[in-house]
Amino acid sequence: MIGIMEHICISETKGTVKHPIDNALLIENYGIESDAHAGDWHRQVSLLDEKDIDFMRNKGLELEPGAFGENLIIKGVDLSLYGLGTKLRIGETELEITQIGKVCHTRCAVYHATGDCIMPRLGLFAKVVKGGSLSAGMEVEVISKVSRNTIQAAVLTVSDTCSSGEAVDTAGPAVAEMIETSLEARISWNGIVSDDIKELKDKLKDLLLRNYDLILTVGGTGCAERDVTPEVTKDLIEKEVPGLAEAMRAASMQITPHAMLQRGICGILRSTLIVNLPGSKKAAMENLEALLPALPHAVRLLRGNTTHKS
C-alpha cells in the first residue's frame, strides 16, 4: 500500500504541541533531529492518520499539524490495520512500528489545547531502522505488514544466572516458540533480567506501557529467597485471573508433586495479560500448554470484543 507523508512535525519540549517543518533528518535508532522525543528508546517517532485528525476537525476544532504531538501525518495508508513489527519506507528511510497508543498519566498541553488527545488511542510509535532525509509529500510504502489482529506478546526470562551469563536461557526461547507456533502470535520483545526486585519491576513497567496483548514471565516463581516474580507482578496488575494459575498448577501436578510449590500468578493491567511461568524449560512448557486453549479468548476480551456466542 502506498500513501503520502503530508506533514513532518517536531517540538523542542516533551508534552507540547509540535510545529510543522518542510524537511528533516531522520537518524537511525534515534528519531528526528532536534525533536524532543528522539532518543535511544522504542518510541522515537510518532505517527497519526490524517483521517483521524480530520475527524476531530469536523467537531469544530481548528487544528494545525502537530497539534496532538505527532511527528508524521500519513495520508492514504490506514494505520489502524497494522500491528507491531510492521515496517514502513519513506523515501530512503525505514521505520518499524513498536507501540500502538500510549498511556497518559496527566493532561498535557496537547490535551488542554485541543480538548482531547487522540494520540493515546490512535497514535503509532516507531523506531528508526534506517535513517535519511525526509520531505513533506514523500511516498509512504508498507514494506512488511503485521496484521493488527495478530496477538502481540513479550517474553521476559527472570534469572540471576541467565542474566549474568552463567547459564544459557532455554526456557524463554521455548516459550516464545510455543506461542508463535500454537497461537500464530508475534513475539514483539524478548529479554532477560535478574531476580532483583527493582530491575524486574522497571522492565515489567516498561513492557506494560507498550500495550502488548500478552506478557509471559519465565522464572522466579518458586520458594527460594530471590524468587520474587509473583510479588512484583501482583504489585503492578489491577486484577488477578486465578483460574489460569490454578489450571497451570493442576496440569503440572499430574506430572510432579513439586508443582504445588509453583507460586506464579496471572493478572491484568489495562488490556495486557501477564502470566508467570516457572523457570525450567520443561515446567514452563507444561504450564503454558495448559493455558493455550484459553489465551486467544482472553486476548479478544481484553481488546474489547465481549460478544458471547449464544
C-alpha atoms as a PDB file:
ATOM      1  CA  MET A   1       0.000   0.000   0.000  1.00  0.00           C
ATOM      2  CA  ILE A   2       1.268   3.467  -0.951  1.00  0.00           C
ATOM      3  CA  GLY A   3       0.379   6.683   0.865  1.00  0.00           C
ATOM      4  CA  ILE A   4       1.750  10.183   1.348  1.00  0.00           C
ATOM      5  CA  MET A   5       3.516  11.776   4.298  1.00  0.00           C
ATOM      6  CA  GLU A   6       1.592  15.038   4.441  1.00  0.00           C
ATOM      7  CA  HIS A   7       3.488  16.731   7.282  1.00  0.00           C
ATOM      8  CA  ILE A   8       6.626  16.474   9.430  1.00  0.00           C
ATOM      9  CA  CYS A   9       6.346  17.997  12.897  1.00  0.00           C
ATOM     10  CA  ILE A  10       8.773  18.488  15.781  1.00  0.00           C
ATOM     11  CA  SER A  11       8.892  20.113  19.188  1.00  0.00           C
ATOM     12  CA  GLU A  12      11.792  21.026  21.411  1.00  0.00           C
ATOM     13  CA  THR A  13       9.987  20.044  24.654  1.00  0.00           C
ATOM     14  CA  LYS A  14       8.000  16.899  25.537  1.00  0.00           C
ATOM     15  CA  GLY A  15       4.280  17.302  26.211  1.00  0.00           C
ATOM     16  CA  THR A  16       3.921  20.328  23.954  1.00  0.00           C
ATOM     17  CA  VAL A  17       2.242  20.896  20.611  1.00  0.00           C
ATOM     18  CA  LYS A  18       4.602  20.235  17.707  1.00  0.00           C
ATOM     19  CA  HIS A  19       5.059  22.552  14.725  1.00  0.00           C
ATOM     20  CA  PRO A  20       5.410  21.575  11.049  1.00  0.00           C
ATOM     21  CA  ILE A  21       8.671  21.746   9.109  1.00  0.00           C
ATOM     22  CA  ASP A  22       9.285  21.089   5.415  1.00  0.00           C
ATOM     23  CA  ASN A  23      12.387  18.918   5.715  1.00  0.00           C
ATOM     24  CA  ALA A  24      14.018  16.825   8.411  1.00  0.00           C
ATOM     25  CA  LEU A  25      16.859  14.412   9.061  1.00  0.00           C
ATOM     26  CA  LEU A  26      15.806  11.020  10.375  1.00  0.00           C
ATOM     27  CA  ILE A  27      18.627   9.431  12.385  1.00  0.00           C
ATOM     28  CA  GLU A  28      18.945   5.650  12.712  1.00  0.00           C
ATOM     29  CA  ASN A  29      17.932   4.342  16.144  1.00  0.00           C
ATOM     30  CA  TYR A  30      17.329   7.892  17.352  1.00  0.00           C
ATOM     31  CA  GLY A  31      14.478   9.754  15.646  1.00  0.00           C
ATOM     32  CA  ILE A  32      14.059  13.151  14.033  1.00  0.00           C
ATOM     33  CA  GLU A  33      16.954  15.504  14.558  1.00  0.00           C
ATOM     34  CA  SER A  34      16.093  18.264  17.098  1.00  0.00           C
ATOM     35  CA  ASP A  35      12.839  16.597  18.202  1.00  0.00           C
ATOM     36  CA  ALA A  36      12.260  16.238  21.941  1.00  0.00           C
ATOM     37  CA  HIS A  37      11.052  12.633  21.659  1.00  0.00           C
ATOM     38  CA  ALA A  38      14.102  11.368  19.786  1.00  0.00           C
ATOM     39  CA  GLY A  39      16.445   9.126  21.735  1.00  0.00           C
ATOM     40  CA  ASP A  40      17.639   5.613  22.456  1.00  0.00           C
ATOM     41  CA  TRP A  41      14.245   4.047  23.187  1.00  0.00           C
ATOM     42  CA  HIS A  42      11.378   2.388  21.341  1.00  0.00           C
ATOM     43  CA  ARG A  43       9.169   5.470  20.759  1.00  0.00           C
ATOM     44  CA  GLN A  44      11.478   7.501  18.546  1.00  0.00           C
ATOM     45  CA  VAL A  45       8.863   8.709  16.041  1.00  0.00           C
ATOM     46  CA  SER A  46       5.081   9.117  16.407  1.00  0.00           C
ATOM     47  CA  LEU A  47       2.552   8.796  13.584  1.00  0.00           C
ATOM     48  CA  LEU A  48      -1.089   9.726  13.079  1.00  0.00           C
ATOM     49  CA  ASP A  49      -3.502   9.012  10.252  1.00  0.00           C
ATOM     50  CA  GLU A  50      -4.758  12.243   8.652  1.00  0.00           C
ATOM     51  CA  LYS A  51      -8.326  10.920   8.607  1.00  0.00           C
ATOM     52  CA  ASP A  52      -8.290  10.714  12.422  1.00  0.00           C
ATOM     53  CA  ILE A  53      -7.173  14.347  12.655  1.00  0.00           C
ATOM     54  CA  ASP A  54      -9.877  15.327  10.153  1.00  0.00           C
ATOM     55  CA  PHE A  55     -12.466  13.584  12.345  1.00  0.00           C
ATOM     56  CA  MET A  56     -11.509  15.909  15.190  1.00  0.00           C
ATOM     57  CA  ARG A  57     -11.580  18.927  12.837  1.00  0.00           C
ATOM     58  CA  ASN A  58     -15.125  18.008  11.858  1.00  0.00           C
ATOM     59  CA  LYS A  59     -16.067  18.517  15.502  1.00  0.00           C
ATOM     60  CA  GLY A  60     -15.264  22.183  15.036  1.00  0.00           C
ATOM     61  CA  LEU A  61     -11.667  22.174  16.296  1.00  0.00           C
ATOM     62  CA  GLU A  62      -9.123  24.280  14.455  1.00  0.00           C
ATOM     63  CA  LEU A  63      -6.095  22.008  14.405  1.00  0.00           C
ATOM     64  CA  GLU A  64      -2.710  22.718  12.913  1.00  0.00           C
ATOM     65  CA  PRO A  65      -0.298  19.879  12.028  1.00  0.00           C
ATOM     66  CA  GLY A  66       1.400  18.634  15.190  1.00  0.00           C
ATOM     67  CA  ALA A  67      -1.497  19.557  17.488  1.00  0.00           C
ATOM     68  CA  PHE A  68      -1.588  16.078  19.032  1.00  0.00           C
ATOM     69  CA  GLY A  69       2.170  15.785  19.421  1.00  0.00           C
ATOM     70  CA  GLU A  70       2.573  13.677  16.276  1.00  0.00           C
ATOM     71  CA  ASN A  71       5.791  13.686  14.248  1.00  0.00           C
ATOM     72  CA  LEU A  72       4.429  12.360  10.960  1.00  0.00           C
ATOM     73  CA  ILE A  73       0.957  12.748   9.475  1.00  0.00           C
ATOM     74  CA  ILE A  74       0.194   9.993   6.959  1.00  0.00           C
ATOM     75  CA  LYS A  75      -2.498  10.040   4.261  1.00  0.00           C
ATOM     76  CA  GLY A  76      -3.713   7.090   2.214  1.00  0.00           C
ATOM     77  CA  VAL A  77      -2.415   4.313   4.491  1.00  0.00           C
ATOM     78  CA  ASP A  78      -4.964   3.023   7.007  1.00  0.00           C
ATOM     79  CA  LEU A  79      -2.739   2.854  10.076  1.00  0.00           C
ATOM     80  CA  SER A  80      -5.442   1.063  12.084  1.00  0.00           C
ATOM     81  CA  LEU A  81      -4.752  -2.127  10.096  1.00  0.00           C
ATOM     82  CA  TYR A  82      -1.128  -2.523  11.102  1.00  0.00           C
ATOM     83  CA  GLY A  83       0.342  -4.096  14.219  1.00  0.00           C
ATOM     84  CA  LEU A  84       3.695  -4.149  15.936  1.00  0.00           C
ATOM     85  CA  GLY A  85       6.556  -5.107  13.651  1.00  0.00           C
ATOM     86  CA  THR A  86       5.034  -3.511  10.547  1.00  0.00           C
ATOM     87  CA  LYS A  87       7.730  -1.711   8.528  1.00  0.00           C
ATOM     88  CA  LEU A  88       7.241   1.478   6.534  1.00  0.00           C
ATOM     89  CA  ARG A  89       9.514   3.014   3.925  1.00  0.00           C
ATOM     90  CA  ILE A  90       9.526   6.781   3.425  1.00  0.00           C
ATOM     91  CA  GLY A  91      11.997   7.830   0.758  1.00  0.00           C
ATOM     92  CA  GLU A  92      15.250   6.112   1.702  1.00  0.00           C
ATOM     93  CA  THR A  93      14.269   5.765   5.381  1.00  0.00           C
ATOM     94  CA  GLU A  94      12.627   2.845   7.174  1.00  0.00           C
ATOM     95  CA  LEU A  95      10.516   2.735  10.347  1.00  0.00           C
ATOM     96  CA  GLU A  96       9.317  -0.241  12.412  1.00  0.00           C
ATOM     97  CA  ILE A  97       6.121   0.077  14.458  1.00  0.00           C
ATOM     98  CA  THR A  98       6.927  -0.629  18.118  1.00  0.00           C
ATOM     99  CA  GLN A  99       3.861   0.581  20.058  1.00  0.00           C
ATOM    100  CA  ILE A 100       0.157   1.195  19.477  1.00  0.00           C
ATOM    101  CA  GLY A 101      -1.260   4.053  21.532  1.00  0.00           C
ATOM    102  CA  LYS A 102       0.114   5.069  24.895  1.00  0.00           C
ATOM    103  CA  VAL A 103      -0.873   5.736  28.483  1.00  0.00           C
ATOM    104  CA  CYS A 104      -1.187   9.383  29.520  1.00  0.00           C
ATOM    105  CA  HIS A 105      -0.973   9.824  33.280  1.00  0.00           C
ATOM    106  CA  THR A 106      -1.508  13.602  33.222  1.00  0.00           C
ATOM    107  CA  ARG A 107      -3.241  16.114  30.992  1.00  0.00           C
ATOM    108  CA  CYS A 108      -0.517  17.684  28.877  1.00  0.00           C
ATOM    109  CA  ALA A 109      -0.527  20.900  26.857  1.00  0.00           C
ATOM    110  CA  VAL A 110      -1.822  18.942  23.852  1.00  0.00           C
ATOM    111  CA  TYR A 111      -4.979  17.941  25.722  1.00  0.00           C
ATOM    112  CA  HIS A 112      -5.616  21.429  27.049  1.00  0.00           C
ATOM    113  CA  ALA A 113      -5.133  22.948  23.606  1.00  0.00           C
ATOM    114  CA  THR A 114      -7.492  20.546  21.802  1.00  0.00           C
ATOM    115  CA  GLY A 115      -9.941  19.356  24.459  1.00  0.00           C
ATOM    116  CA  ASP A 116      -8.960  15.768  23.664  1.00  0.00           C
ATOM    117  CA  CYS A 117      -5.868  13.884  22.590  1.00  0.00           C
ATOM    118  CA  ILE A 118      -6.277  11.122  20.050  1.00  0.00           C
ATOM    119  CA  MET A 119      -2.625  10.093  20.234  1.00  0.00           C
ATOM    120  CA  PRO A 120      -3.144   7.755  23.250  1.00  0.00           C
ATOM    121  CA  ARG A 121      -5.878   5.881  21.374  1.00  0.00           C
ATOM    122  CA  LEU A 122      -4.899   6.071  17.721  1.00  0.00           C
ATOM    123  CA  GLY A 123      -1.244   7.021  17.517  1.00  0.00           C
ATOM    124  CA  LEU A 124       1.503   4.673  16.402  1.00  0.00           C
ATOM    125  CA  PHE A 125       5.092   4.807  17.571  1.00  0.00           C
ATOM    126  CA  ALA A 126       8.141   3.574  15.725  1.00  0.00           C
ATOM    127  CA  LYS A 127      11.876   3.159  15.903  1.00  0.00           C
ATOM    128  CA  VAL A 128      14.137   4.232  13.056  1.00  0.00           C
ATOM    129  CA  VAL A 129      15.588   1.216  11.257  1.00  0.00           C
ATOM    130  CA  LYS A 130      17.265   3.246   8.513  1.00  0.00           C
ATOM    131  CA  GLY A 131      17.887   6.978   8.578  1.00  0.00           C
ATOM    132  CA  GLY A 132      17.924   9.592   5.850  1.00  0.00           C
ATOM    133  CA  SER A 133      16.318  12.794   4.638  1.00  0.00           C
ATOM    134  CA  LEU A 134      12.571  13.440   4.915  1.00  0.00           C
ATOM    135  CA  SER A 135      10.471  15.947   2.997  1.00  0.00           C
ATOM    136  CA  ALA A 136       6.755  16.630   3.229  1.00  0.00           C
ATOM    137  CA  GLY A 137       4.936  14.980   0.320  1.00  0.00           C
ATOM    138  CA  MET A 138       7.110  11.858   0.180  1.00  0.00           C
ATOM    139  CA  GLU A 139       5.516   8.495  -0.561  1.00  0.00           C
ATOM    140  CA  VAL A 140       4.910   6.085   2.313  1.00  0.00           C
ATOM    141  CA  GLU A 141       5.110   2.386   1.488  1.00  0.00           C
ATOM    142  CA  VAL A 142       4.208  -0.554   3.706  1.00  0.00           C
ATOM    143  CA  ILE A 143       7.096  -2.950   3.055  1.00  0.00           C
ATOM    144  CA  SER A 144       6.339  -5.535   5.768  1.00  0.00           C
ATOM    145  CA  LYS A 145       2.850  -5.953   7.205  1.00  0.00           C
ATOM    146  CA  VAL A 146       1.910  -7.427  10.557  1.00  0.00           C
ATOM    147  CA  SER A 147      -1.858  -7.536  10.966  1.00  0.00           C
ATOM    148  CA  ARG A 148      -3.341  -5.649  13.912  1.00  0.00           C
ATOM    149  CA  ASN A 149      -5.267  -8.874  14.664  1.00  0.00           C
ATOM    150  CA  THR A 150      -2.044 -10.759  15.402  1.00  0.00           C
ATOM    151  CA  ILE A 151      -1.517 -11.490  19.104  1.00  0.00           C
ATOM    152  CA  GLN A 152       1.417  -9.380  20.271  1.00  0.00           C
ATOM    153  CA  ALA A 153       3.475 -10.976  23.028  1.00  0.00           C
ATOM    154  CA  ALA A 154       6.607 -10.337  25.078  1.00  0.00           C
ATOM    155  CA  VAL A 155       8.687 -12.988  26.863  1.00  0.00           C
ATOM    156  CA  LEU A 156      10.759 -11.980  29.884  1.00  0.00           C
ATOM    157  CA  THR A 157      13.095 -14.507  31.493  1.00  0.00           C
ATOM    158  CA  VAL A 158      13.772 -13.768  35.172  1.00  0.00           C
ATOM    159  CA  SER A 159      17.008 -15.417  36.270  1.00  0.00           C
ATOM    160  CA  ASP A 160      20.162 -14.362  38.098  1.00  0.00           C
ATOM    161  CA  THR A 161      22.282 -16.990  36.370  1.00  0.00           C
ATOM    162  CA  CYS A 162      20.979 -16.337  32.853  1.00  0.00           C
ATOM    163  CA  SER A 163      21.245 -12.584  33.364  1.00  0.00           C
ATOM    164  CA  SER A 164      24.890 -12.874  34.425  1.00  0.00           C
ATOM    165  CA  GLY A 165      25.792 -15.279  31.625  1.00  0.00           C
ATOM    166  CA  GLU A 166      26.488 -18.204  33.979  1.00  0.00           C
ATOM    167  CA  ALA A 167      23.682 -20.204  32.359  1.00  0.00           C
ATOM    168  CA  VAL A 168      22.019 -20.276  28.942  1.00  0.00           C
ATOM    169  CA  ASP A 169      18.317 -19.443  28.810  1.00  0.00           C
ATOM    170  CA  THR A 170      16.487 -22.382  27.238  1.00  0.00           C
ATOM    171  CA  ALA A 171      13.029 -21.821  28.779  1.00  0.00           C
ATOM    172  CA  GLY A 172      12.398 -18.345  27.359  1.00  0.00           C
ATOM    173  CA  PRO A 173      13.083 -19.304  23.718  1.00  0.00           C
ATOM    174  CA  ALA A 174      10.989 -22.482  24.107  1.00  0.00           C
ATOM    175  CA  VAL A 175       8.054 -20.459  25.456  1.00  0.00           C
ATOM    176  CA  ALA A 176       8.384 -17.949  22.600  1.00  0.00           C
ATOM    177  CA  GLU A 177       8.417 -20.735  20.013  1.00  0.00           C
ATOM    178  CA  MET A 178       5.340 -22.379  21.529  1.00  0.00           C
ATOM    179  CA  ILE A 179       3.383 -19.119  21.467  1.00  0.00           C
ATOM    180  CA  GLU A 180       4.415 -18.373  17.877  1.00  0.00           C
ATOM    181  CA  THR A 181       3.581 -21.891  16.675  1.00  0.00           C
ATOM    182  CA  SER A 182       0.387 -22.560  18.632  1.00  0.00           C
ATOM    183  CA  LEU A 183      -1.229 -19.112  18.604  1.00  0.00           C
ATOM    184  CA  GLU A 184       0.428 -17.601  15.497  1.00  0.00           C
ATOM    185  CA  ALA A 185       1.471 -14.794  17.816  1.00  0.00           C
ATOM    186  CA  ARG A 186       4.290 -12.350  17.185  1.00  0.00           C
ATOM    187  CA  ILE A 187       6.985 -12.107  19.826  1.00  0.00           C
ATOM    188  CA  SER A 188       7.479  -8.352  19.776  1.00  0.00           C
ATOM    189  CA  TRP A 189      10.095  -8.358  22.546  1.00  0.00           C
ATOM    190  CA  ASN A 190      12.132 -10.881  24.490  1.00  0.00           C
ATOM    191  CA  GLY A 191      14.892 -10.492  27.035  1.00  0.00           C
ATOM    192  CA  ILE A 192      16.382 -11.436  30.385  1.00  0.00           C
ATOM    193  CA  VAL A 193      16.547  -9.682  33.759  1.00  0.00           C
ATOM    194  CA  SER A 194      17.928 -10.762  37.115  1.00  0.00           C
ATOM    195  CA  ASP A 195      15.773 -11.659  40.109  1.00  0.00           C
ATOM    196  CA  ASP A 196      16.355  -8.188  41.528  1.00  0.00           C
ATOM    197  CA  ILE A 197      13.018  -6.616  42.527  1.00  0.00           C
ATOM    198  CA  LYS A 198      13.746  -3.148  41.130  1.00  0.00           C
ATOM    199  CA  GLU A 199      15.175  -4.399  37.845  1.00  0.00           C
ATOM    200  CA  LEU A 200      12.235  -6.726  37.309  1.00  0.00           C
ATOM    201  CA  LYS A 201       9.652  -4.093  38.225  1.00  0.00           C
ATOM    202  CA  ASP A 202      11.241  -1.470  35.971  1.00  0.00           C
ATOM    203  CA  LYS A 203      11.276  -3.821  32.987  1.00  0.00           C
ATOM    204  CA  LEU A 204       7.698  -5.011  33.556  1.00  0.00           C
ATOM    205  CA  LYS A 205       6.516  -1.395  33.827  1.00  0.00           C
ATOM    206  CA  ASP A 206       8.242  -0.608  30.534  1.00  0.00           C
ATOM    207  CA  LEU A 207       6.637  -3.599  28.797  1.00  0.00           C
ATOM    208  CA  LEU A 208       3.200  -2.768  30.184  1.00  0.00           C
ATOM    209  CA  LEU A 209       3.394   0.726  28.719  1.00  0.00           C
ATOM    210  CA  ARG A 210       3.799  -0.788  25.253  1.00  0.00           C
ATOM    211  CA  ASN A 211       0.276  -2.301  25.301  1.00  0.00           C
ATOM    212  CA  TYR A 212       1.191  -5.878  24.405  1.00  0.00           C
ATOM    213  CA  ASP A 213      -1.650  -8.382  24.478  1.00  0.00           C
ATOM    214  CA  LEU A 214       0.361 -10.878  26.483  1.00  0.00           C
ATOM    215  CA  ILE A 215       3.469 -10.768  28.675  1.00  0.00           C
ATOM    216  CA  LEU A 216       4.934 -14.099  29.707  1.00  0.00           C
ATOM    217  CA  THR A 217       7.471 -14.089  32.523  1.00  0.00           C
ATOM    218  CA  VAL A 218       9.639 -17.185  32.881  1.00  0.00           C
ATOM    219  CA  GLY A 219      11.254 -17.899  36.246  1.00  0.00           C
ATOM    220  CA  GLY A 220      11.288 -16.583  39.795  1.00  0.00           C
ATOM    221  CA  THR A 221       8.081 -18.341  40.837  1.00  0.00           C
ATOM    222  CA  GLY A 222       9.450 -20.848  43.363  1.00  0.00           C
ATOM    223  CA  CYS A 223      10.132 -20.717  47.084  1.00  0.00           C
ATOM    224  CA  ALA A 224      13.745 -19.531  47.068  1.00  0.00           C
ATOM    225  CA  GLU A 225      14.603 -16.218  48.703  1.00  0.00           C
ATOM    226  CA  ARG A 226      15.233 -14.491  45.365  1.00  0.00           C
ATOM    227  CA  ASP A 227      12.016 -15.793  43.733  1.00  0.00           C
ATOM    228  CA  VAL A 228      10.000 -12.557  43.629  1.00  0.00           C
ATOM    229  CA  THR A 229       8.223 -12.596  40.264  1.00  0.00           C
ATOM    230  CA  PRO A 230       4.709 -13.176  41.718  1.00  0.00           C
ATOM    231  CA  GLU A 231       5.129 -10.362  44.258  1.00  0.00           C
ATOM    232  CA  VAL A 232       6.324  -7.883  41.623  1.00  0.00           C
ATOM    233  CA  THR A 233       3.555  -8.900  39.246  1.00  0.00           C
ATOM    234  CA  LYS A 234       0.866  -8.589  41.909  1.00  0.00           C
ATOM    235  CA  ASP A 235       2.096  -5.098  42.734  1.00  0.00           C
ATOM    236  CA  LEU A 236       1.577  -3.975  39.121  1.00  0.00           C
ATOM    237  CA  ILE A 237      -1.664  -5.615  37.998  1.00  0.00           C
ATOM    238  CA  GLU A 238      -5.212  -4.310  38.512  1.00  0.00           C
ATOM    239  CA  LYS A 239      -6.873  -7.708  38.913  1.00  0.00           C
ATOM    240  CA  GLU A 240      -5.893 -11.353  39.079  1.00  0.00           C
ATOM    241  CA  VAL A 241      -7.099 -14.178  36.852  1.00  0.00           C
ATOM    242  CA  PRO A 242      -6.765 -17.028  39.359  1.00  0.00           C
ATOM    243  CA  GLY A 243      -8.271 -19.677  37.089  1.00  0.00           C
ATOM    244  CA  LEU A 244      -5.260 -19.556  34.778  1.00  0.00           C
ATOM    245  CA  ALA A 245      -2.786 -20.054  37.619  1.00  0.00           C
ATOM    246  CA  GLU A 246      -4.931 -22.846  39.042  1.00  0.00           C
ATOM    247  CA  ALA A 247      -5.056 -24.573  35.655  1.00  0.00           C
ATOM    248  CA  MET A 248      -1.274 -24.414  35.313  1.00  0.00           C
ATOM    249  CA  ARG A 249      -0.659 -25.960  38.701  1.00  0.00           C
ATOM    250  CA  ALA A 250      -3.365 -28.604  38.243  1.00  0.00           C
ATOM    251  CA  ALA A 251      -1.908 -29.731  34.917  1.00  0.00           C
ATOM    252  CA  SER A 252       1.635 -29.798  36.255  1.00  0.00           C
ATOM    253  CA  MET A 253       0.553 -31.658  39.397  1.00  0.00           C
ATOM    254  CA  GLN A 254      -0.368 -34.591  37.157  1.00  0.00           C
ATOM    255  CA  ILE A 255       3.324 -34.876  36.363  1.00  0.00           C
ATOM    256  CA  THR A 256       5.153 -33.917  39.571  1.00  0.00           C
ATOM    257  CA  PRO A 257       4.168 -33.056  43.166  1.00  0.00           C
ATOM    258  CA  HIS A 258       6.748 -30.252  43.025  1.00  0.00           C
ATOM    259  CA  ALA A 259       4.171 -28.278  41.031  1.00  0.00           C
ATOM    260  CA  MET A 260       2.397 -27.341  44.248  1.00  0.00           C
ATOM    261  CA  LEU A 261       5.429 -25.142  45.080  1.00  0.00           C
ATOM    262  CA  GLN A 262       4.931 -23.054  41.922  1.00  0.00           C
ATOM    263  CA  ARG A 263       3.644 -19.647  43.116  1.00  0.00           C
ATOM    264  CA  GLY A 264       3.118 -17.958  39.759  1.00  0.00           C
ATOM    265  CA  ILE A 265       0.094 -15.721  39.292  1.00  0.00           C
ATOM    266  CA  CYS A 266      -1.773 -14.384  36.266  1.00  0.00           C
ATOM    267  CA  GLY A 267      -3.320 -10.937  36.068  1.00  0.00           C
ATOM    268  CA  ILE A 268      -4.372  -7.947  34.007  1.00  0.00           C
ATOM    269  CA  LEU A 269      -3.264  -4.350  33.722  1.00  0.00           C
ATOM    270  CA  ARG A 270      -5.484  -2.364  31.374  1.00  0.00           C
ATOM    271  CA  SER A 271      -5.581  -4.567  28.235  1.00  0.00           C
ATOM    272  CA  THR A 272      -2.490  -6.686  28.912  1.00  0.00           C
ATOM    273  CA  LEU A 273      -2.499 -10.175  30.415  1.00  0.00           C
ATOM    274  CA  ILE A 274       0.584 -11.202  32.418  1.00  0.00           C
ATOM    275  CA  VAL A 275       1.332 -14.891  33.005  1.00  0.00           C
ATOM    276  CA  ASN A 276       4.044 -16.093  35.411  1.00  0.00           C
ATOM    277  CA  LEU A 277       5.628 -19.338  34.196  1.00  0.00           C
ATOM    278  CA  PRO A 278       8.218 -21.404  36.089  1.00  0.00           C
ATOM    279  CA  GLY A 279      11.884 -21.177  35.140  1.00  0.00           C
ATOM    280  CA  SER A 280      12.713 -24.671  33.906  1.00  0.00           C
ATOM    281  CA  LYS A 281      12.080 -25.346  30.226  1.00  0.00           C
ATOM    282  CA  LYS A 282      10.043 -28.490  30.899  1.00  0.00           C
ATOM    283  CA  ALA A 283       7.843 -26.920  33.567  1.00  0.00           C
ATOM    284  CA  ALA A 284       7.333 -23.693  31.623  1.00  0.00           C
ATOM    285  CA  MET A 285       6.132 -25.560  28.545  1.00  0.00           C
ATOM    286  CA  GLU A 286       3.853 -27.847  30.592  1.00  0.00           C
ATOM    287  CA  ASN A 287       2.279 -24.847  32.312  1.00  0.00           C
ATOM    288  CA  LEU A 288       1.882 -22.858  29.107  1.00  0.00           C
ATOM    289  CA  GLU A 289       0.370 -25.798  27.230  1.00  0.00           C
ATOM    290  CA  ALA A 290      -2.434 -25.935  29.790  1.00  0.00           C
ATOM    291  CA  LEU A 291      -3.336 -22.297  29.057  1.00  0.00           C
ATOM    292  CA  LEU A 292      -3.172 -22.283  25.256  1.00  0.00           C
ATOM    293  CA  PRO A 293      -6.885 -23.056  24.676  1.00  0.00           C
ATOM    294  CA  ALA A 294      -7.958 -20.053  26.781  1.00  0.00           C
ATOM    295  CA  LEU A 295      -5.437 -17.393  25.745  1.00  0.00           C
ATOM    296  CA  PRO A 296      -6.951 -16.317  22.376  1.00  0.00           C
ATOM    297  CA  HIS A 297     -10.336 -15.731  24.010  1.00  0.00           C
ATOM    298  CA  ALA A 298      -8.692 -13.788  26.829  1.00  0.00           C
ATOM    299  CA  VAL A 299      -6.985 -11.533  24.274  1.00  0.00           C
ATOM    300  CA  ARG A 300     -10.265 -10.945  22.428  1.00  0.00           C
ATOM    301  CA  LEU A 301     -11.964  -9.928  25.665  1.00  0.00           C
ATOM    302  CA  LEU A 302      -9.133  -7.583  26.623  1.00  0.00           C
ATOM    303  CA  ARG A 303      -9.302  -5.982  23.173  1.00  0.00           C
ATOM    304  CA  GLY A 304     -12.953  -5.185  23.827  1.00  0.00           C
ATOM    305  CA  ASN A 305     -14.652  -7.985  21.932  1.00  0.00           C
ATOM    306  CA  THR A 306     -17.066  -9.081  24.655  1.00  0.00           C
ATOM    307  CA  THR A 307     -19.715 -10.651  22.436  1.00  0.00           C
ATOM    308  CA  HIS A 308     -20.514 -14.196  23.556  1.00  0.00           C
ATOM    309  CA  LYS A 309     -21.858 -16.926  21.324  1.00  0.00           C
ATOM    310  CA  SER A 310     -25.431 -17.916  22.133  1.00  0.00           C
END
